[in-house]
Structures are given as structure tokens and as C-alpha cells.
C-alpha atoms as a PDB file:
ATOM      1  CA  UNK A   1     -11.577  31.901  -7.282  1.00  0.00           C
ATOM      2  CA  UNK A   2     -10.209  30.629  -4.184  1.00  0.00           C
ATOM      3  CA  UNK A   3      -9.966  26.784  -3.480  1.00  0.00           C
ATOM      4  CA  UNK A   4      -8.550  24.684  -0.410  1.00  0.00           C
ATOM      5  CA  UNK A   5      -6.534  21.624  -1.502  1.00  0.00           C
ATOM      6  CA  UNK A   6      -6.564  19.679   1.668  1.00  0.00           C
ATOM      7  CA  UNK A   7      -3.564  17.642   2.806  1.00  0.00           C
ATOM      8  CA  UNK A   8      -1.865  18.553  -0.608  1.00  0.00           C
ATOM      9  CA  UNK A   9       1.833  18.138   0.591  1.00  0.00           C
ATOM     10  CA  UNK A  10       1.148  15.494   2.966  1.00  0.00           C
ATOM     11  CA  UNK A  11       3.715  13.029   1.470  1.00  0.00           C
ATOM     12  CA  UNK A  12       6.209  15.632   1.375  1.00  0.00           C
ATOM     13  CA  UNK A  13       5.709  17.970   4.515  1.00  0.00           C
ATOM     14  CA  UNK A  14       8.370  16.709   6.440  1.00  0.00           C
ATOM     15  CA  UNK A  15      10.930  17.324   3.975  1.00  0.00           C
ATOM     16  CA  UNK A  16      10.005  20.624   2.454  1.00  0.00           C
ATOM     17  CA  UNK A  17       9.745  22.002   6.554  1.00  0.00           C
ATOM     18  CA  UNK A  18      13.276  20.992   6.819  1.00  0.00           C
ATOM     19  CA  UNK A  19      14.403  22.652   3.632  1.00  0.00           C
ATOM     20  CA  UNK A  20      12.682  25.953   4.882  1.00  0.00           C
ATOM     21  CA  UNK A  21      13.611  25.549   8.567  1.00  0.00           C
ATOM     22  CA  UNK A  22      17.273  26.126   7.326  1.00  0.00           C
ATOM     23  CA  UNK A  23      16.053  30.285   6.481  1.00  0.00           C
ATOM     24  CA  UNK A  24      16.702  32.739   8.980  1.00  0.00           C
ATOM     25  CA  UNK A  25      13.870  32.366  11.646  1.00  0.00           C
ATOM     26  CA  UNK A  26      13.829  36.175  12.995  1.00  0.00           C
ATOM     27  CA  UNK A  27      12.242  37.731  10.201  1.00  0.00           C
ATOM     28  CA  UNK A  28       8.493  37.853   9.659  1.00  0.00           C
ATOM     29  CA  UNK A  29       8.797  37.593   5.869  1.00  0.00           C
ATOM     30  CA  UNK A  30      11.642  36.017   3.832  1.00  0.00           C
ATOM     31  CA  UNK A  31      11.739  36.598  -0.034  1.00  0.00           C
ATOM     32  CA  UNK A  32      13.325  33.664  -1.659  1.00  0.00           C
ATOM     33  CA  UNK A  33      15.104  33.920  -4.659  1.00  0.00           C
ATOM     34  CA  UNK A  34      17.435  31.269  -6.365  1.00  0.00           C
ATOM     35  CA  UNK A  35      17.024  28.449  -3.943  1.00  0.00           C
ATOM     36  CA  UNK A  36      17.603  25.263  -5.921  1.00  0.00           C
ATOM     37  CA  UNK A  37      16.443  22.368  -3.490  1.00  0.00           C
ATOM     38  CA  UNK A  38      12.889  24.124  -3.545  1.00  0.00           C
ATOM     39  CA  UNK A  39      12.668  24.194  -7.175  1.00  0.00           C
ATOM     40  CA  UNK A  40      11.328  20.483  -7.555  1.00  0.00           C
ATOM     41  CA  UNK A  41       8.141  21.345  -5.205  1.00  0.00           C
ATOM     42  CA  UNK A  42       7.552  24.383  -7.491  1.00  0.00           C
ATOM     43  CA  UNK A  43       7.699  23.175 -10.883  1.00  0.00           C
ATOM     44  CA  UNK A  44       4.745  22.319 -12.826  1.00  0.00           C
ATOM     45  CA  UNK A  45       4.721  18.511 -12.265  1.00  0.00           C
ATOM     46  CA  UNK A  46       5.914  18.941  -8.248  1.00  0.00           C
ATOM     47  CA  UNK A  47       3.568  18.889  -5.665  1.00  0.00           C
ATOM     48  CA  UNK A  48       3.080  22.574  -4.782  1.00  0.00           C
ATOM     49  CA  UNK A  49       3.409  23.422  -8.818  1.00  0.00           C
ATOM     50  CA  UNK A  50       0.793  20.837  -9.892  1.00  0.00           C
ATOM     51  CA  UNK A  51      -1.847  22.925  -8.312  1.00  0.00           C
ATOM     52  CA  UNK A  52      -1.185  25.925 -10.354  1.00  0.00           C
ATOM     53  CA  UNK A  53      -0.831  23.930 -13.350  1.00  0.00           C
ATOM     54  CA  UNK A  54      -4.537  22.838 -12.607  1.00  0.00           C
ATOM     55  CA  UNK A  55      -4.955  26.525 -12.520  1.00  0.00           C
ATOM     56  CA  UNK A  56      -3.051  28.010 -15.600  1.00  0.00           C
ATOM     57  CA  UNK A  57      -1.945  24.925 -17.491  1.00  0.00           C
ATOM     58  CA  UNK A  58       1.762  23.472 -17.939  1.00  0.00           C
ATOM     59  CA  UNK A  59       3.108  26.691 -18.644  1.00  0.00           C
ATOM     60  CA  UNK A  60       2.648  28.182 -14.917  1.00  0.00           C
ATOM     61  CA  UNK A  61       5.891  29.175 -13.476  1.00  0.00           C
ATOM     62  CA  UNK A  62       6.623  30.451  -9.769  1.00  0.00           C
ATOM     63  CA  UNK A  63       7.513  33.961 -10.370  1.00  0.00           C
ATOM     64  CA  UNK A  64       7.567  35.289  -6.686  1.00  0.00           C
ATOM     65  CA  UNK A  65       8.325  33.220  -3.479  1.00  0.00           C
ATOM     66  CA  UNK A  66       7.594  34.507   0.245  1.00  0.00           C
ATOM     67  CA  UNK A  67       7.770  32.550   3.573  1.00  0.00           C
ATOM     68  CA  UNK A  68       5.518  34.460   6.130  1.00  0.00           C
ATOM     69  CA  UNK A  69       6.641  33.478   9.840  1.00  0.00           C
ATOM     70  CA  UNK A  70       3.921  35.138  12.300  1.00  0.00           C
ATOM     71  CA  UNK A  71       4.643  34.513  15.737  1.00  0.00           C
ATOM     72  CA  UNK A  72       3.475  35.924  19.228  1.00  0.00           C
ATOM     73  CA  UNK A  73       6.281  38.437  18.807  1.00  0.00           C
ATOM     74  CA  UNK A  74       5.520  39.327  15.013  1.00  0.00           C
ATOM     75  CA  UNK A  75       1.528  38.928  15.341  1.00  0.00           C
ATOM     76  CA  UNK A  76       0.759  41.898  12.523  1.00  0.00           C
ATOM     77  CA  UNK A  77      -2.415  42.458  11.139  1.00  0.00           C
ATOM     78  CA  UNK A  78      -3.523  43.612   7.273  1.00  0.00           C
ATOM     79  CA  UNK A  79      -6.182  45.784   6.271  1.00  0.00           C
ATOM     80  CA  UNK A  80      -8.234  44.779   2.853  1.00  0.00           C
ATOM     81  CA  UNK A  81      -5.976  45.360   0.159  1.00  0.00           C
ATOM     82  CA  UNK A  82      -5.000  43.878  -3.018  1.00  0.00           C
ATOM     83  CA  UNK A  83      -1.285  42.593  -4.249  1.00  0.00           C
ATOM     84  CA  UNK A  84      -0.458  44.329  -7.364  1.00  0.00           C
ATOM     85  CA  UNK A  85       2.923  44.133  -7.987  1.00  0.00           C
ATOM     86  CA  UNK A  86       5.397  41.913  -9.383  1.00  0.00           C
ATOM     87  CA  UNK A  87       9.291  41.024  -8.994  1.00  0.00           C
ATOM     88  CA  UNK A  88      11.227  41.286 -11.964  1.00  0.00           C
ATOM     89  CA  UNK A  89      15.272  40.913 -12.361  1.00  0.00           C
ATOM     90  CA  UNK A  90      15.775  44.616 -13.322  1.00  0.00           C
ATOM     91  CA  UNK A  91      14.064  47.985 -14.024  1.00  0.00           C
ATOM     92  CA  UNK A  92      13.650  48.297 -17.742  1.00  0.00           C
ATOM     93  CA  UNK A  93      11.048  50.883 -18.750  1.00  0.00           C
ATOM     94  CA  UNK A  94       7.733  49.267 -20.427  1.00  0.00           C
ATOM     95  CA  UNK A  95       4.467  51.089 -21.551  1.00  0.00           C
ATOM     96  CA  UNK A  96       2.009  50.185 -18.685  1.00  0.00           C
ATOM     97  CA  UNK A  97       4.052  49.003 -16.187  1.00  0.00           C
ATOM     98  CA  UNK A  98       4.919  51.028 -13.215  1.00  0.00           C
ATOM     99  CA  UNK A  99       5.019  52.449 -10.394  1.00  0.00           C
ATOM    100  CA  UNK A 100       8.551  50.897  -9.568  1.00  0.00           C
ATOM    101  CA  UNK A 101       9.622  50.010  -6.081  1.00  0.00           C
ATOM    102  CA  UNK A 102      12.429  48.014  -4.435  1.00  0.00           C
ATOM    103  CA  UNK A 103      11.501  45.685  -1.761  1.00  0.00           C
ATOM    104  CA  UNK A 104      14.436  43.631   0.057  1.00  0.00           C
ATOM    105  CA  UNK A 105      16.707  44.284  -2.746  1.00  0.00           C
ATOM    106  CA  UNK A 106      14.497  42.948  -5.341  1.00  0.00           C
ATOM    107  CA  UNK A 107      12.982  45.211  -7.937  1.00  0.00           C
ATOM    108  CA  UNK A 108       9.084  45.367  -8.266  1.00  0.00           C
ATOM    109  CA  UNK A 109       6.624  46.620 -10.511  1.00  0.00           C
ATOM    110  CA  UNK A 110       3.065  47.332 -10.655  1.00  0.00           C
ATOM    111  CA  UNK A 111       2.005  45.599 -14.390  1.00  0.00           C
ATOM    112  CA  UNK A 112      -1.139  45.956 -16.286  1.00  0.00           C
ATOM    113  CA  UNK A 113      -4.227  44.660 -14.207  1.00  0.00           C
ATOM    114  CA  UNK A 114      -5.037  42.225 -17.230  1.00  0.00           C
ATOM    115  CA  UNK A 115      -1.476  40.181 -16.372  1.00  0.00           C
ATOM    116  CA  UNK A 116      -2.281  40.201 -12.396  1.00  0.00           C
ATOM    117  CA  UNK A 117      -6.100  38.551 -13.491  1.00  0.00           C
ATOM    118  CA  UNK A 118      -4.236  35.891 -15.192  1.00  0.00           C
ATOM    119  CA  UNK A 119      -2.317  34.964 -12.161  1.00  0.00           C
ATOM    120  CA  UNK A 120      -2.619  32.735  -9.262  1.00  0.00           C
ATOM    121  CA  UNK A 121      -1.533  32.561  -5.336  1.00  0.00           C
ATOM    122  CA  UNK A 122      -0.829  29.563  -3.589  1.00  0.00           C
ATOM    123  CA  UNK A 123      -0.809  29.544   0.665  1.00  0.00           C
ATOM    124  CA  UNK A 124       1.262  26.479   1.666  1.00  0.00           C
ATOM    125  CA  UNK A 125       0.551  26.251   5.435  1.00  0.00           C
ATOM    126  CA  UNK A 126       3.071  24.733   7.445  1.00  0.00           C
ATOM    127  CA  UNK A 127       1.124  25.142  10.575  1.00  0.00           C
ATOM    128  CA  UNK A 128      -2.284  24.835  11.673  1.00  0.00           C
ATOM    129  CA  UNK A 129      -4.299  27.737  10.971  1.00  0.00           C
ATOM    130  CA  UNK A 130      -7.340  27.650  13.176  1.00  0.00           C
ATOM    131  CA  UNK A 131      -9.949  30.892  13.630  1.00  0.00           C
ATOM    132  CA  UNK A 132      -7.997  31.901  16.541  1.00  0.00           C
ATOM    133  CA  UNK A 133      -4.214  31.992  14.879  1.00  0.00           C
ATOM    134  CA  UNK A 134      -4.769  34.693  12.120  1.00  0.00           C
ATOM    135  CA  UNK A 135      -6.563  33.175   9.205  1.00  0.00           C
ATOM    136  CA  UNK A 136      -6.278  34.679   5.726  1.00  0.00           C
ATOM    137  CA  UNK A 137      -9.604  36.525   4.963  1.00  0.00           C
ATOM    138  CA  UNK A 138     -10.962  36.902   1.369  1.00  0.00           C
ATOM    139  CA  UNK A 139     -13.564  38.558  -0.301  1.00  0.00           C
ATOM    140  CA  UNK A 140     -14.737  36.247  -2.961  1.00  0.00           C
ATOM    141  CA  UNK A 141     -15.077  37.741  -6.762  1.00  0.00           C
ATOM    142  CA  UNK A 142     -13.195  41.071  -5.821  1.00  0.00           C
ATOM    143  CA  UNK A 143     -10.818  39.577  -8.200  1.00  0.00           C
ATOM    144  CA  UNK A 144     -13.199  40.663 -11.327  1.00  0.00           C
ATOM    145  CA  UNK A 145     -13.551  44.229 -10.007  1.00  0.00           C
ATOM    146  CA  UNK A 146     -10.242  45.647 -11.228  1.00  0.00           C
ATOM    147  CA  UNK A 147      -8.192  47.598  -9.506  1.00  0.00           C
ATOM    148  CA  UNK A 148      -9.895  48.661  -6.195  1.00  0.00           C
ATOM    149  CA  UNK A 149      -9.105  51.876  -4.872  1.00  0.00           C
ATOM    150  CA  UNK A 150      -7.647  51.743  -1.432  1.00  0.00           C
ATOM    151  CA  UNK A 151     -10.458  53.936   0.281  1.00  0.00           C
ATOM    152  CA  UNK A 152     -12.933  51.609  -0.833  1.00  0.00           C
ATOM    153  CA  UNK A 153     -11.519  48.362  -0.217  1.00  0.00           C
ATOM    154  CA  UNK A 154     -13.261  47.871   3.354  1.00  0.00           C
ATOM    155  CA  UNK A 155     -16.950  48.568   1.416  1.00  0.00           C
ATOM    156  CA  UNK A 156     -16.097  46.495  -1.366  1.00  0.00           C
ATOM    157  CA  UNK A 157     -14.981  43.624   0.981  1.00  0.00           C
ATOM    158  CA  UNK A 158     -18.064  44.014   2.890  1.00  0.00           C
ATOM    159  CA  UNK A 159     -20.233  43.503  -0.190  1.00  0.00           C
ATOM    160  CA  UNK A 160     -18.411  40.790  -1.334  1.00  0.00           C
ATOM    161  CA  UNK A 161     -18.374  39.055   1.686  1.00  0.00           C
ATOM    162  CA  UNK A 162     -15.468  37.121   3.697  1.00  0.00           C
ATOM    163  CA  UNK A 163     -14.312  33.807   3.400  1.00  0.00           C
ATOM    164  CA  UNK A 164     -12.090  32.562   6.238  1.00  0.00           C
ATOM    165  CA  UNK A 165      -9.088  30.373   4.895  1.00  0.00           C
ATOM    166  CA  UNK A 166      -8.544  27.928   7.805  1.00  0.00           C
ATOM    167  CA  UNK A 167      -6.119  25.450   7.233  1.00  0.00           C
ATOM    168  CA  UNK A 168      -4.098  22.664   8.744  1.00  0.00           C
ATOM    169  CA  UNK A 169      -0.398  21.821   8.174  1.00  0.00           C
ATOM    170  CA  UNK A 170       0.187  20.630   4.605  1.00  0.00           C
ATOM    171  CA  UNK A 171      -3.300  22.095   3.400  1.00  0.00           C
ATOM    172  CA  UNK A 172      -3.024  24.500   0.214  1.00  0.00           C
ATOM    173  CA  UNK A 173      -5.046  27.321  -0.399  1.00  0.00           C
ATOM    174  CA  UNK A 174      -5.186  28.733  -4.418  1.00  0.00           C
ATOM    175  CA  UNK A 175      -6.878  32.007  -5.228  1.00  0.00           C
ATOM    176  CA  UNK A 176      -6.824  34.481  -7.789  1.00  0.00           C
ATOM    177  CA  UNK A 177      -3.670  36.959  -7.130  1.00  0.00           C
ATOM    178  CA  UNK A 178      -5.462  40.323  -7.048  1.00  0.00           C
ATOM    179  CA  UNK A 179      -8.248  38.873  -4.863  1.00  0.00           C
ATOM    180  CA  UNK A 180      -8.748  41.543  -1.945  1.00  0.00           C
ATOM    181  CA  UNK A 181      -7.665  39.802   1.343  1.00  0.00           C
ATOM    182  CA  UNK A 182      -6.655  40.819   4.844  1.00  0.00           C
ATOM    183  CA  UNK A 183      -5.492  39.336   8.269  1.00  0.00           C
ATOM    184  CA  UNK A 184      -6.345  39.882  11.965  1.00  0.00           C
ATOM    185  CA  UNK A 185      -3.655  39.831  14.494  1.00  0.00           C
ATOM    186  CA  UNK A 186      -4.059  36.116  16.213  1.00  0.00           C
ATOM    187  CA  UNK A 187      -6.177  36.195  19.183  1.00  0.00           C
ATOM    188  CA  UNK A 188      -4.449  33.199  20.468  1.00  0.00           C
ATOM    189  CA  UNK A 189      -1.285  33.617  18.938  1.00  0.00           C
ATOM    190  CA  UNK A 190       0.768  30.370  17.984  1.00  0.00           C
ATOM    191  CA  UNK A 191       3.335  30.021  14.897  1.00  0.00           C
ATOM    192  CA  UNK A 192       2.105  30.489  11.673  1.00  0.00           C
ATOM    193  CA  UNK A 193       4.313  29.724   8.799  1.00  0.00           C
ATOM    194  CA  UNK A 194       3.054  30.207   5.221  1.00  0.00           C
ATOM    195  CA  UNK A 195       5.159  29.846   2.160  1.00  0.00           C
ATOM    196  CA  UNK A 196       3.298  31.940  -0.547  1.00  0.00           C
ATOM    197  CA  UNK A 197       4.017  31.620  -4.026  1.00  0.00           C
ATOM    198  CA  UNK A 198       2.760  33.607  -6.986  1.00  0.00           C
ATOM    199  CA  UNK A 199       2.218  31.969 -10.301  1.00  0.00           C
ATOM    200  CA  UNK A 200       1.742  33.227 -14.107  1.00  0.00           C
ATOM    201  CA  UNK A 201       2.319  31.655 -17.610  1.00  0.00           C
ATOM    202  CA  UNK A 202       2.609  34.766 -19.230  1.00  0.00           C
ATOM    203  CA  UNK A 203       6.171  36.098 -20.358  1.00  0.00           C
ATOM    204  CA  UNK A 204       6.828  39.822 -19.805  1.00  0.00           C
ATOM    205  CA  UNK A 205       7.256  42.306 -22.858  1.00  0.00           C
ATOM    206  CA  UNK A 206      10.024  44.738 -23.714  1.00  0.00           C
ATOM    207  CA  UNK A 207      12.878  43.349 -22.245  1.00  0.00           C
ATOM    208  CA  UNK A 208      11.372  42.649 -18.792  1.00  0.00           C
ATOM    209  CA  UNK A 209      12.096  39.526 -17.136  1.00  0.00           C
ATOM    210  CA  UNK A 210      10.759  37.658 -13.770  1.00  0.00           C
ATOM    211  CA  UNK A 211      12.777  37.070 -11.294  1.00  0.00           C
ATOM    212  CA  UNK A 212      11.046  34.009 -10.386  1.00  0.00           C
ATOM    213  CA  UNK A 213      11.246  32.023  -7.174  1.00  0.00           C
END
């Protein structure tokens, strides 16, 4: 599952950009938590959250938000992989959840795959992403294959084929959270800011609680 929503935030673009420009600009990725001014955009009836609601229903909630800022100085690449962790308020041992890790001071855990399979990820593009500026690559259908071992990711991506997620500033891409994806280093690096939000409509069991965006 992957879909482009062209100019989805055109009307709110300048205000959203001004809000995010208040964040540090010297980090390749910033995990955003408890930013009240951002919540109206991410809410189920907000300009971003409404897309998640179309995919998951009105119970969709933003459960992790990251601002990626790729520049000529931070021109990274990513091999084919799945996103397989979620961010929670605190560590609580629950069967089926693990292993645990700490990223940017936040608790992350790998949940059962069926929870991931019901999630959707949105990528809100704040800059143009032509083919030369490191667009996201996704392997369509790979999210239906369960957990993909790291040593088989390249072969499975080759079998599924590749969709190149070109975008203009203001566009939003939506895709199944556990889909195989990758990114090459930019050939002609320009600034490439992307606000990435994971959404879920599930409550967590056993005392676990989403940290939320």
C-alpha cells in the first residue's frame, strides 16, 4: 500500500513550515514529542491526520513523529529495511513485545508484526524531491510478507520491484508502516526536509502506552 496525495497541505504549508523551522536545524533527524502547536495538523480532522483517517478510520492517532533534514552535509543513504519498532512512554514487559532500545532518550520496542501491519506512515514533504534528491524507494507488496530478515531484504525488494516516491513541497506520501523501503544518497543534494508520522488505531496491551507525536 502506497499512495501520493498531491498538494495535500498546500493551504497550510507556510504555517507548518514556520512552525517546524523553530526546531534545531543541525540534526539529520529530530524525534518530536509534546509539541502542542503541531497537534491540530496531526489530529484525525487535521490536514495531515485526515489522510491517516482515510486509511485507518477516525480512531487513527499519531504515535511517532520525526523531522528528517537531509542536506549536502548530511547526505546519507539507507539500505532496504522495515521499520519494526514503536515508541512508548515507559518500559513495561508484555509478552510478544521486544527487544527494547533507547533512541533519543525514548523507549522503543518491537511489537507483534500484526500490530505493525495495521499502521500507516505519512511523509509530509517540505521540499521538492526530484529523482536527484534522494527520494524514498519502496517495494510494493512487501508489507504483506511479514518480518523480512535483513539478509533477504535486497532480494525481496528486487522481486517486488521499486516505486520511486517523487514529490513536490506540500505533497504527502502514505504507505504501510512495515513496507520495505530504502533511500540512496542524493546525486545533486539539496535540502530535503520530511515530516514523517506513524499512525495507529490500536490501543496497546498490558499497561504499555504510546508516547504519541
